[in-house]
Amino acid sequence: MLAGLTAEQIRDACDLLYRPAGFKHAPAQVFLDHFEAADPPTTFLRVAFSRFTFSAGRMLTQLGAILQERHGADANIVFVIYFGRIDPEQMAAHTIRMADR
């Protein structure tokens, strides 16, 4: 788990990775979700794409590597890919349900 990871740190990593290509393969949305009760503790990055390509997947792998390099080399990160927009209210409710487990 990437304890203490913030939205600003994710934004900075995305900017570093995706800006050179004009954000061509970047996710439209990224939601951060920590699940400390998991074994091992896990950080979920829920990402939304209107179109998911091989390049988008490859760049997600690179994003994970950047975040691990900067914030925890042995951290457990899971990308959850959504096709279409993520509703923030539904995601907040889901996060609360998961935390209550």
PDB file of N, CA and C in Angstrom:
ATOM      1  N   MET A   1       0.844  -1.167   0.000  1.00  0.00           N
ATOM      2  CA  MET A   1       0.000   0.000   0.000  1.00  0.00           C
ATOM      3  C   MET A   1       0.888   1.227   0.000  1.00  0.00           C
ATOM      4  N   LEU A   2       0.475   2.227  -0.728  1.00  0.00           N
ATOM      5  CA  LEU A   2       1.202   3.487  -0.783  1.00  0.00           C
ATOM      6  C   LEU A   2       0.612   4.430   0.265  1.00  0.00           C
ATOM      7  N   ALA A   3       0.950   4.196   1.513  1.00  0.00           N
ATOM      8  CA  ALA A   3       0.417   5.004   2.603  1.00  0.00           C
ATOM      9  C   ALA A   3       0.812   6.463   2.413  1.00  0.00           C
ATOM     10  N   GLY A   4      -0.143   7.337   2.601  1.00  0.00           N
ATOM     11  CA  GLY A   4       0.135   8.758   2.498  1.00  0.00           C
ATOM     12  C   GLY A   4       0.117   9.300   1.083  1.00  0.00           C
ATOM     13  N   LEU A   5      -0.137   8.450   0.099  1.00  0.00           N
ATOM     14  CA  LEU A   5      -0.196   8.914  -1.282  1.00  0.00           C
ATOM     15  C   LEU A   5      -1.350   9.900  -1.417  1.00  0.00           C
ATOM     16  N   THR A   6      -1.095  11.019  -2.074  1.00  0.00           N
ATOM     17  CA  THR A   6      -2.116  12.057  -2.220  1.00  0.00           C
ATOM     18  C   THR A   6      -2.515  12.241  -3.679  1.00  0.00           C
ATOM     19  N   ALA A   7      -3.623  12.919  -3.867  1.00  0.00           N
ATOM     20  CA  ALA A   7      -4.078  13.236  -5.222  1.00  0.00           C
ATOM     21  C   ALA A   7      -3.045  14.085  -5.954  1.00  0.00           C
ATOM     22  N   GLU A   8      -2.391  14.981  -5.240  1.00  0.00           N
ATOM     23  CA  GLU A   8      -1.376  15.836  -5.860  1.00  0.00           C
ATOM     24  C   GLU A   8      -0.189  15.015  -6.360  1.00  0.00           C
ATOM     25  N   GLN A   9       0.203  14.006  -5.599  1.00  0.00           N
ATOM     26  CA  GLN A   9       1.318  13.157  -6.010  1.00  0.00           C
ATOM     27  C   GLN A   9       0.944  12.317  -7.235  1.00  0.00           C
ATOM     28  N   ILE A  10      -0.298  11.861  -7.289  1.00  0.00           N
ATOM     29  CA  ILE A  10      -0.764  11.129  -8.464  1.00  0.00           C
ATOM     30  C   ILE A  10      -0.792  12.067  -9.668  1.00  0.00           C
ATOM     31  N   ARG A  11      -1.302  13.274  -9.469  1.00  0.00           N
ATOM     32  CA  ARG A  11      -1.345  14.258 -10.552  1.00  0.00           C
ATOM     33  C   ARG A  11       0.056  14.543 -11.087  1.00  0.00           C
ATOM     34  N   ASP A  12       1.029  14.709 -10.178  1.00  0.00           N
ATOM     35  CA  ASP A  12       2.409  14.980 -10.602  1.00  0.00           C
ATOM     36  C   ASP A  12       2.983  13.820 -11.411  1.00  0.00           C
ATOM     37  N   ALA A  13       2.721  12.589 -10.971  1.00  0.00           N
ATOM     38  CA  ALA A  13       3.211  11.418 -11.700  1.00  0.00           C
ATOM     39  C   ALA A  13       2.535  11.314 -13.063  1.00  0.00           C
ATOM     40  N   CYS A  14       1.229  11.576 -13.117  1.00  0.00           N
ATOM     41  CA  CYS A  14       0.517  11.550 -14.400  1.00  0.00           C
ATOM     42  C   CYS A  14       1.035  12.639 -15.332  1.00  0.00           C
ATOM     43  N   ASP A  15       1.309  13.804 -14.778  1.00  0.00           N
ATOM     44  CA  ASP A  15       1.837  14.901 -15.585  1.00  0.00           C
ATOM     45  C   ASP A  15       3.183  14.519 -16.192  1.00  0.00           C
ATOM     46  N   LEU A  16       4.049  13.925 -15.394  1.00  0.00           N
ATOM     47  CA  LEU A  16       5.363  13.498 -15.867  1.00  0.00           C
ATOM     48  C   LEU A  16       5.235  12.463 -16.992  1.00  0.00           C
ATOM     49  N   LEU A  17       4.337  11.519 -16.824  1.00  0.00           N
ATOM     50  CA  LEU A  17       4.206  10.421 -17.778  1.00  0.00           C
ATOM     51  C   LEU A  17       3.415  10.800 -19.029  1.00  0.00           C
ATOM     52  N   TYR A  18       2.286  11.472 -18.855  1.00  0.00           N
ATOM     53  CA  TYR A  18       1.364  11.663 -19.967  1.00  0.00           C
ATOM     54  C   TYR A  18       1.523  12.985 -20.724  1.00  0.00           C
ATOM     55  N   ARG A  19       2.079  14.009 -20.102  1.00  0.00           N
ATOM     56  CA  ARG A  19       2.179  15.314 -20.762  1.00  0.00           C
ATOM     57  C   ARG A  19       2.978  15.264 -22.065  1.00  0.00           C
ATOM     58  N   PRO A  20       4.134  14.568 -22.126  1.00  0.00           N
ATOM     59  CA  PRO A  20       4.907  14.580 -23.376  1.00  0.00           C
ATOM     60  C   PRO A  20       4.113  14.113 -24.612  1.00  0.00           C
ATOM     61  N   ALA A  21       3.135  13.242 -24.423  1.00  0.00           N
ATOM     62  CA  ALA A  21       2.315  12.759 -25.541  1.00  0.00           C
ATOM     63  C   ALA A  21       0.979  13.496 -25.621  1.00  0.00           C
ATOM     64  N   GLY A  22       0.866  14.623 -24.930  1.00  0.00           N
ATOM     65  CA  GLY A  22      -0.381  15.376 -24.956  1.00  0.00           C
ATOM     66  C   GLY A  22      -1.527  14.678 -24.246  1.00  0.00           C
ATOM     67  N   PHE A  23      -1.212  13.864 -23.248  1.00  0.00           N
ATOM     68  CA  PHE A  23      -2.195  13.120 -22.452  1.00  0.00           C
ATOM     69  C   PHE A  23      -3.027  12.164 -23.322  1.00  0.00           C
ATOM     70  N   LYS A  24      -2.431  11.698 -24.411  1.00  0.00           N
ATOM     71  CA  LYS A  24      -3.148  10.874 -25.380  1.00  0.00           C
ATOM     72  C   LYS A  24      -3.718   9.580 -24.787  1.00  0.00           C
ATOM     73  N   HIS A  25      -2.969   8.891 -23.966  1.00  0.00           N
ATOM     74  CA  HIS A  25      -3.422   7.602 -23.422  1.00  0.00           C
ATOM     75  C   HIS A  25      -3.711   7.679 -21.930  1.00  0.00           C
ATOM     76  N   ALA A  26      -3.941   8.880 -21.432  1.00  0.00           N
ATOM     77  CA  ALA A  26      -4.187   9.083 -19.997  1.00  0.00           C
ATOM     78  C   ALA A  26      -5.621   8.721 -19.632  1.00  0.00           C
ATOM     79  N   PRO A  27      -5.826   8.241 -18.411  1.00  0.00           N
ATOM     80  CA  PRO A  27      -7.198   8.009 -17.967  1.00  0.00           C
ATOM     81  C   PRO A  27      -7.917   9.348 -17.794  1.00  0.00           C
ATOM     82  N   ALA A  28      -9.228   9.329 -18.012  1.00  0.00           N
ATOM     83  CA  ALA A  28     -10.026  10.539 -17.839  1.00  0.00           C
ATOM     84  C   ALA A  28     -10.211  10.871 -16.365  1.00  0.00           C
ATOM     85  N   GLN A  29     -10.253   9.854 -15.525  1.00  0.00           N
ATOM     86  CA  GLN A  29     -10.431  10.035 -14.081  1.00  0.00           C
ATOM     87  C   GLN A  29      -9.539   9.038 -13.358  1.00  0.00           C
ATOM     88  N   VAL A  30      -9.093   9.442 -12.171  1.00  0.00           N
ATOM     89  CA  VAL A  30      -8.342   8.548 -11.290  1.00  0.00           C
ATOM     90  C   VAL A  30      -8.886   8.727  -9.886  1.00  0.00           C
ATOM     91  N   PHE A  31      -9.303   7.642  -9.266  1.00  0.00           N
ATOM     92  CA  PHE A  31      -9.757   7.670  -7.882  1.00  0.00           C
ATOM     93  C   PHE A  31      -8.791   6.839  -7.051  1.00  0.00           C
ATOM     94  N   LEU A  32      -8.424   7.359  -5.912  1.00  0.00           N
ATOM     95  CA  LEU A  32      -7.494   6.716  -4.993  1.00  0.00           C
ATOM     96  C   LEU A  32      -8.283   6.064  -3.873  1.00  0.00           C
ATOM     97  N   ASP A  33      -7.970   4.819  -3.583  1.00  0.00           N
ATOM     98  CA  ASP A  33      -8.689   4.061  -2.560  1.00  0.00           C
ATOM     99  C   ASP A  33      -7.693   3.167  -1.839  1.00  0.00           C
ATOM    100  N   HIS A  34      -7.497   3.386  -0.533  1.00  0.00           N
ATOM    101  CA  HIS A  34      -6.611   2.534   0.267  1.00  0.00           C
ATOM    102  C   HIS A  34      -7.455   1.500   0.998  1.00  0.00           C
ATOM    103  N   PHE A  35      -6.995   0.271   1.001  1.00  0.00           N
ATOM    104  CA  PHE A  35      -7.675  -0.790   1.752  1.00  0.00           C
ATOM    105  C   PHE A  35      -6.649  -1.413   2.681  1.00  0.00           C
ATOM    106  N   GLU A  36      -6.562  -0.829   3.873  1.00  0.00           N
ATOM    107  CA  GLU A  36      -5.538  -1.245   4.838  1.00  0.00           C
ATOM    108  C   GLU A  36      -5.799  -2.626   5.419  1.00  0.00           C
ATOM    109  N   ALA A  37      -7.069  -3.037   5.459  1.00  0.00           N
ATOM    110  CA  ALA A  37      -7.406  -4.328   6.070  1.00  0.00           C
ATOM    111  C   ALA A  37      -7.045  -5.507   5.172  1.00  0.00           C
ATOM    112  N   ALA A  38      -6.724  -5.239   3.929  1.00  0.00           N
ATOM    113  CA  ALA A  38      -6.362  -6.321   3.003  1.00  0.00           C
ATOM    114  C   ALA A  38      -5.022  -6.927   3.427  1.00  0.00           C
ATOM    115  N   ASP A  39      -4.770  -8.136   2.975  1.00  0.00           N
ATOM    116  CA  ASP A  39      -3.501  -8.784   3.273  1.00  0.00           C
ATOM    117  C   ASP A  39      -2.815  -9.136   1.959  1.00  0.00           C
ATOM    118  N   PRO A  40      -1.855  -8.383   1.492  1.00  0.00           N
ATOM    119  CA  PRO A  40      -1.239  -7.209   2.123  1.00  0.00           C
ATOM    120  C   PRO A  40      -2.089  -5.959   1.903  1.00  0.00           C
ATOM    121  N   PRO A  41      -1.863  -4.927   2.729  1.00  0.00           N
ATOM    122  CA  PRO A  41      -2.569  -3.663   2.529  1.00  0.00           C
ATOM    123  C   PRO A  41      -2.374  -3.190   1.080  1.00  0.00           C
ATOM    124  N   THR A  42      -3.448  -2.698   0.484  1.00  0.00           N
ATOM    125  CA  THR A  42      -3.446  -2.433  -0.949  1.00  0.00           C
ATOM    126  C   THR A  42      -3.947  -1.027  -1.260  1.00  0.00           C
ATOM    127  N   THR A  43      -3.308  -0.412  -2.238  1.00  0.00           N
ATOM    128  CA  THR A  43      -3.793   0.843  -2.803  1.00  0.00           C
ATOM    129  C   THR A  43      -4.454   0.520  -4.133  1.00  0.00           C
ATOM    130  N   PHE A  44      -5.709   0.932  -4.261  1.00  0.00           N
ATOM    131  CA  PHE A  44      -6.434   0.768  -5.512  1.00  0.00           C
ATOM    132  C   PHE A  44      -6.450   2.108  -6.225  1.00  0.00           C
ATOM    133  N   LEU A  45      -6.036   2.115  -7.463  1.00  0.00           N
ATOM    134  CA  LEU A  45      -6.191   3.289  -8.307  1.00  0.00           C
ATOM    135  C   LEU A  45      -7.249   2.921  -9.338  1.00  0.00           C
ATOM    136  N   ARG A  46      -8.396   3.523  -9.192  1.00  0.00           N
ATOM    137  CA  ARG A  46      -9.530   3.251 -10.080  1.00  0.00           C
ATOM    138  C   ARG A  46      -9.466   4.269 -11.207  1.00  0.00           C
ATOM    139  N   VAL A  47      -9.286   3.783 -12.417  1.00  0.00           N
ATOM    140  CA  VAL A  47      -9.060   4.663 -13.559  1.00  0.00           C
ATOM    141  C   VAL A  47     -10.156   4.460 -14.601  1.00  0.00           C
ATOM    142  N   ALA A  48     -10.606   5.556 -15.191  1.00  0.00           N
ATOM    143  CA  ALA A  48     -11.682   5.511 -16.180  1.00  0.00           C
ATOM    144  C   ALA A  48     -11.141   5.877 -17.561  1.00  0.00           C
ATOM    145  N   PHE A  49     -11.523   5.083 -18.533  1.00  0.00           N
ATOM    146  CA  PHE A  49     -11.143   5.311 -19.926  1.00  0.00           C
ATOM    147  C   PHE A  49     -12.391   5.259 -20.793  1.00  0.00           C
ATOM    148  N   SER A  50     -12.469   6.127 -21.776  1.00  0.00           N
ATOM    149  CA  SER A  50     -13.540   5.990 -22.766  1.00  0.00           C
ATOM    150  C   SER A  50     -13.114   4.972 -23.821  1.00  0.00           C
ATOM    151  N   ARG A  51     -11.798   4.831 -23.984  1.00  0.00           N
ATOM    152  CA  ARG A  51     -11.243   3.855 -24.935  1.00  0.00           C
ATOM    153  C   ARG A  51      -9.942   3.317 -24.332  1.00  0.00           C
ATOM    154  N   PHE A  52      -9.875   2.018 -24.133  1.00  0.00           N
ATOM    155  CA  PHE A  52      -8.697   1.411 -23.522  1.00  0.00           C
ATOM    156  C   PHE A  52      -7.911   0.681 -24.603  1.00  0.00           C
ATOM    157  N   THR A  53      -6.646   1.043 -24.743  1.00  0.00           N
ATOM    158  CA  THR A  53      -5.789   0.469 -25.786  1.00  0.00           C
ATOM    159  C   THR A  53      -4.576  -0.205 -25.148  1.00  0.00           C
ATOM    160  N   PHE A  54      -3.820  -0.896 -25.979  1.00  0.00           N
ATOM    161  CA  PHE A  54      -2.567  -1.495 -25.518  1.00  0.00           C
ATOM    162  C   PHE A  54      -1.654  -0.412 -24.932  1.00  0.00           C
ATOM    163  N   SER A  55      -1.569   0.727 -25.606  1.00  0.00           N
ATOM    164  CA  SER A  55      -0.713   1.826 -25.130  1.00  0.00           C
ATOM    165  C   SER A  55      -1.193   2.355 -23.786  1.00  0.00           C
ATOM    166  N   ALA A  56      -2.504   2.438 -23.603  1.00  0.00           N
ATOM    167  CA  ALA A  56      -3.046   2.892 -22.313  1.00  0.00           C
ATOM    168  C   ALA A  56      -2.642   1.919 -21.203  1.00  0.00           C
ATOM    169  N   GLY A  57      -2.717   0.627 -21.467  1.00  0.00           N
ATOM    170  CA  GLY A  57      -2.317  -0.377 -20.484  1.00  0.00           C
ATOM    171  C   GLY A  57      -0.831  -0.322 -20.174  1.00  0.00           C
ATOM    172  N   ARG A  58      -0.029  -0.163 -21.214  1.00  0.00           N
ATOM    173  CA  ARG A  58       1.423  -0.073 -21.025  1.00  0.00           C
ATOM    174  C   ARG A  58       1.778   1.153 -20.174  1.00  0.00           C
ATOM    175  N   MET A  59       1.094   2.252 -20.431  1.00  0.00           N
ATOM    176  CA  MET A  59       1.397   3.470 -19.677  1.00  0.00           C
ATOM    177  C   MET A  59       0.908   3.376 -18.232  1.00  0.00           C
ATOM    178  N   LEU A  60      -0.172   2.620 -17.983  1.00  0.00           N
ATOM    179  CA  LEU A  60      -0.594   2.385 -16.598  1.00  0.00           C
ATOM    180  C   LEU A  60       0.488   1.628 -15.836  1.00  0.00           C
ATOM    181  N   THR A  61       1.104   0.667 -16.506  1.00  0.00           N
ATOM    182  CA  THR A  61       2.208  -0.069 -15.882  1.00  0.00           C
ATOM    183  C   THR A  61       3.338   0.885 -15.521  1.00  0.00           C
ATOM    184  N   GLN A  62       3.645   1.812 -16.415  1.00  0.00           N
ATOM    185  CA  GLN A  62       4.685   2.804 -16.152  1.00  0.00           C
ATOM    186  C   GLN A  62       4.278   3.731 -15.010  1.00  0.00           C
ATOM    187  N   LEU A  63       3.000   4.113 -14.963  1.00  0.00           N
ATOM    188  CA  LEU A  63       2.517   4.961 -13.865  1.00  0.00           C
ATOM    189  C   LEU A  63       2.697   4.248 -12.532  1.00  0.00           C
ATOM    190  N   GLY A  64       2.338   2.972 -12.472  1.00  0.00           N
ATOM    191  CA  GLY A  64       2.532   2.203 -11.245  1.00  0.00           C
ATOM    192  C   GLY A  64       3.992   2.169 -10.833  1.00  0.00           C
ATOM    193  N   ALA A  65       4.898   1.989 -11.800  1.00  0.00           N
ATOM    194  CA  ALA A  65       6.336   1.956 -11.503  1.00  0.00           C
ATOM    195  C   ALA A  65       6.820   3.306 -10.964  1.00  0.00           C
ATOM    196  N   ILE A  66       6.336   4.392 -11.549  1.00  0.00           N
ATOM    197  CA  ILE A  66       6.725   5.733 -11.064  1.00  0.00           C
ATOM    198  C   ILE A  66       6.259   5.924  -9.628  1.00  0.00           C
ATOM    199  N   LEU A  67       5.015   5.560  -9.355  1.00  0.00           N
ATOM    200  CA  LEU A  67       4.485   5.732  -7.997  1.00  0.00           C
ATOM    201  C   LEU A  67       5.231   4.862  -6.997  1.00  0.00           C
ATOM    202  N   GLN A  68       5.551   3.639  -7.375  1.00  0.00           N
ATOM    203  CA  GLN A  68       6.299   2.776  -6.465  1.00  0.00           C
ATOM    204  C   GLN A  68       7.707   3.303  -6.244  1.00  0.00           C
ATOM    205  N   GLU A  69       8.335   3.786  -7.281  1.00  0.00           N
ATOM    206  CA  GLU A  69       9.690   4.337  -7.149  1.00  0.00           C
ATOM    207  C   GLU A  69       9.703   5.533  -6.206  1.00  0.00           C
ATOM    208  N   ARG A  70       8.695   6.358  -6.303  1.00  0.00           N
ATOM    209  CA  ARG A  70       8.636   7.584  -5.495  1.00  0.00           C
ATOM    210  C   ARG A  70       8.092   7.376  -4.090  1.00  0.00           C
ATOM    211  N   HIS A  71       7.182   6.390  -3.922  1.00  0.00           N
ATOM    212  CA  HIS A  71       6.423   6.342  -2.666  1.00  0.00           C
ATOM    213  C   HIS A  71       6.393   4.978  -1.984  1.00  0.00           C
ATOM    214  N   GLY A  72       7.136   4.007  -2.466  1.00  0.00           N
ATOM    215  CA  GLY A  72       7.154   2.709  -1.799  1.00  0.00           C
ATOM    216  C   GLY A  72       7.407   1.578  -2.762  1.00  0.00           C
ATOM    217  N   ALA A  73       8.648   1.143  -2.842  1.00  0.00           N
ATOM    218  CA  ALA A  73       9.061   0.154  -3.845  1.00  0.00           C
ATOM    219  C   ALA A  73       8.320  -1.171  -3.695  1.00  0.00           C
ATOM    220  N   ASP A  74       7.978  -1.582  -2.468  1.00  0.00           N
ATOM    221  CA  ASP A  74       7.301  -2.865  -2.316  1.00  0.00           C
ATOM    222  C   ASP A  74       5.817  -2.679  -2.040  1.00  0.00           C
ATOM    223  N   ALA A  75       5.279  -1.543  -2.399  1.00  0.00           N
ATOM    224  CA  ALA A  75       3.859  -1.279  -2.182  1.00  0.00           C
ATOM    225  C   ALA A  75       3.009  -2.114  -3.128  1.00  0.00           C
ATOM    226  N   ASN A  76       1.839  -2.465  -2.651  1.00  0.00           N
ATOM    227  CA  ASN A  76       0.898  -3.241  -3.443  1.00  0.00           C
ATOM    228  C   ASN A  76      -0.101  -2.280  -4.087  1.00  0.00           C
ATOM    229  N   ILE A  77      -0.053  -2.169  -5.427  1.00  0.00           N
ATOM    230  CA  ILE A  77      -0.950  -1.292  -6.178  1.00  0.00           C
ATOM    231  C   ILE A  77      -1.781  -2.142  -7.123  1.00  0.00           C
ATOM    232  N   VAL A  78      -3.076  -1.874  -7.150  1.00  0.00           N
ATOM    233  CA  VAL A  78      -3.973  -2.553  -8.078  1.00  0.00           C
ATOM    234  C   VAL A  78      -4.693  -1.480  -8.877  1.00  0.00           C
ATOM    235  N   PHE A  79      -4.631  -1.590 -10.205  1.00  0.00           N
ATOM    236  CA  PHE A  79      -5.401  -0.708 -11.073  1.00  0.00           C
ATOM    237  C   PHE A  79      -6.728  -1.386 -11.364  1.00  0.00           C
ATOM    238  N   VAL A  80      -7.814  -0.647 -11.162  1.00  0.00           N
ATOM    239  CA  VAL A  80      -9.147  -1.121 -11.505  1.00  0.00           C
ATOM    240  C   VAL A  80      -9.607  -0.247 -12.661  1.00  0.00           C
ATOM    241  N   ILE A  81      -9.862  -0.868 -13.790  1.00  0.00           N
ATOM    242  CA  ILE A  81     -10.158  -0.124 -15.011  1.00  0.00           C
ATOM    243  C   ILE A  81     -11.671  -0.078 -15.241  1.00  0.00           C
ATOM    244  N   TYR A  82     -12.161   1.137 -15.438  1.00  0.00           N
ATOM    245  CA  TYR A  82     -13.569   1.367 -15.741  1.00  0.00           C
ATOM    246  C   TYR A  82     -13.667   1.889 -17.173  1.00  0.00           C
ATOM    247  N   PHE A  83     -14.688   1.448 -17.868  1.00  0.00           N
ATOM    248  CA  PHE A  83     -14.936   1.931 -19.222  1.00  0.00           C
ATOM    249  C   PHE A  83     -16.093   2.916 -19.135  1.00  0.00           C
ATOM    250  N   GLY A  84     -15.811   4.173 -19.358  1.00  0.00           N
ATOM    251  CA  GLY A  84     -16.793   5.235 -19.170  1.00  0.00           C
ATOM    252  C   GLY A  84     -16.481   6.002 -17.901  1.00  0.00           C
ATOM    253  N   ARG A  85     -17.334   6.926 -17.555  1.00  0.00           N
ATOM    254  CA  ARG A  85     -17.104   7.796 -16.399  1.00  0.00           C
ATOM    255  C   ARG A  85     -17.436   7.082 -15.093  1.00  0.00           C
ATOM    256  N   ILE A  86     -16.708   7.453 -14.051  1.00  0.00           N
ATOM    257  CA  ILE A  86     -16.955   6.934 -12.705  1.00  0.00           C
ATOM    258  C   ILE A  86     -17.788   7.980 -11.972  1.00  0.00           C
ATOM    259  N   ASP A  87     -18.882   7.549 -11.377  1.00  0.00           N
ATOM    260  CA  ASP A  87     -19.716   8.455 -10.589  1.00  0.00           C
ATOM    261  C   ASP A  87     -19.060   8.648  -9.220  1.00  0.00           C
ATOM    262  N   PRO A  88     -18.660   9.877  -8.882  1.00  0.00           N
ATOM    263  CA  PRO A  88     -17.959  10.108  -7.601  1.00  0.00           C
ATOM    264  C   PRO A  88     -18.769   9.703  -6.378  1.00  0.00           C
ATOM    265  N   GLU A  89     -20.090   9.900  -6.404  1.00  0.00           N
ATOM    266  CA  GLU A  89     -20.918   9.527  -5.256  1.00  0.00           C
ATOM    267  C   GLU A  89     -20.957   8.020  -5.063  1.00  0.00           C
ATOM    268  N   GLN A  90     -21.096   7.282  -6.157  1.00  0.00           N
ATOM    269  CA  GLN A  90     -21.096   5.823  -6.059  1.00  0.00           C
ATOM    270  C   GLN A  90     -19.735   5.315  -5.595  1.00  0.00           C
ATOM    271  N   MET A  91     -18.664   5.952  -6.074  1.00  0.00           N
ATOM    272  CA  MET A  91     -17.322   5.533  -5.662  1.00  0.00           C
ATOM    273  C   MET A  91     -17.095   5.815  -4.178  1.00  0.00           C
ATOM    274  N   ALA A  92     -17.573   6.950  -3.696  1.00  0.00           N
ATOM    275  CA  ALA A  92     -17.443   7.261  -2.268  1.00  0.00           C
ATOM    276  C   ALA A  92     -18.213   6.248  -1.430  1.00  0.00           C
ATOM    277  N   ALA A  93     -19.420   5.913  -1.859  1.00  0.00           N
ATOM    278  CA  ALA A  93     -20.212   4.914  -1.127  1.00  0.00           C
ATOM    279  C   ALA A  93     -19.512   3.563  -1.131  1.00  0.00           C
ATOM    280  N   HIS A  94     -18.931   3.175  -2.257  1.00  0.00           N
ATOM    281  CA  HIS A  94     -18.194   1.912  -2.350  1.00  0.00           C
ATOM    282  C   HIS A  94     -16.998   1.922  -1.394  1.00  0.00           C
ATOM    283  N   THR A  95     -16.278   3.015  -1.360  1.00  0.00           N
ATOM    284  CA  THR A  95     -15.102   3.127  -0.488  1.00  0.00           C
ATOM    285  C   THR A  95     -15.509   2.987   0.973  1.00  0.00           C
ATOM    286  N   ILE A  96     -16.602   3.599   1.354  1.00  0.00           N
ATOM    287  CA  ILE A  96     -17.089   3.512   2.732  1.00  0.00           C
ATOM    288  C   ILE A  96     -17.478   2.075   3.058  1.00  0.00           C
ATOM    289  N   ARG A  97     -18.181   1.411   2.133  1.00  0.00           N
ATOM    290  CA  ARG A  97     -18.550  -0.001   2.359  1.00  0.00           C
ATOM    291  C   ARG A  97     -17.323  -0.871   2.557  1.00  0.00           C
ATOM    292  N   MET A  98     -16.293  -0.654   1.724  1.00  0.00           N
ATOM    293  CA  MET A  98     -15.076  -1.445   1.836  1.00  0.00           C
ATOM    294  C   MET A  98     -14.369  -1.181   3.171  1.00  0.00           C
ATOM    295  N   ALA A  99     -14.353   0.060   3.609  1.00  0.00           N
ATOM    296  CA  ALA A  99     -13.690   0.411   4.872  1.00  0.00           C
ATOM    297  C   ALA A  99     -14.419  -0.196   6.057  1.00  0.00           C
ATOM    298  N   ASP A 100     -15.725  -0.401   5.933  1.00  0.00           N
ATOM    299  CA  ASP A 100     -16.527  -0.953   7.030  1.00  0.00           C
ATOM    300  C   ASP A 100     -16.405  -2.465   7.156  1.00  0.00           C
ATOM    301  N   ARG A 101     -15.756  -3.128   6.190  1.00  0.00           N
ATOM    302  CA  ARG A 101     -15.629  -4.584   6.247  1.00  0.00           C
ATOM    303  C   ARG A 101     -14.794  -5.016   7.402  1.00  0.00           C
TER     304      ARG A 101
END
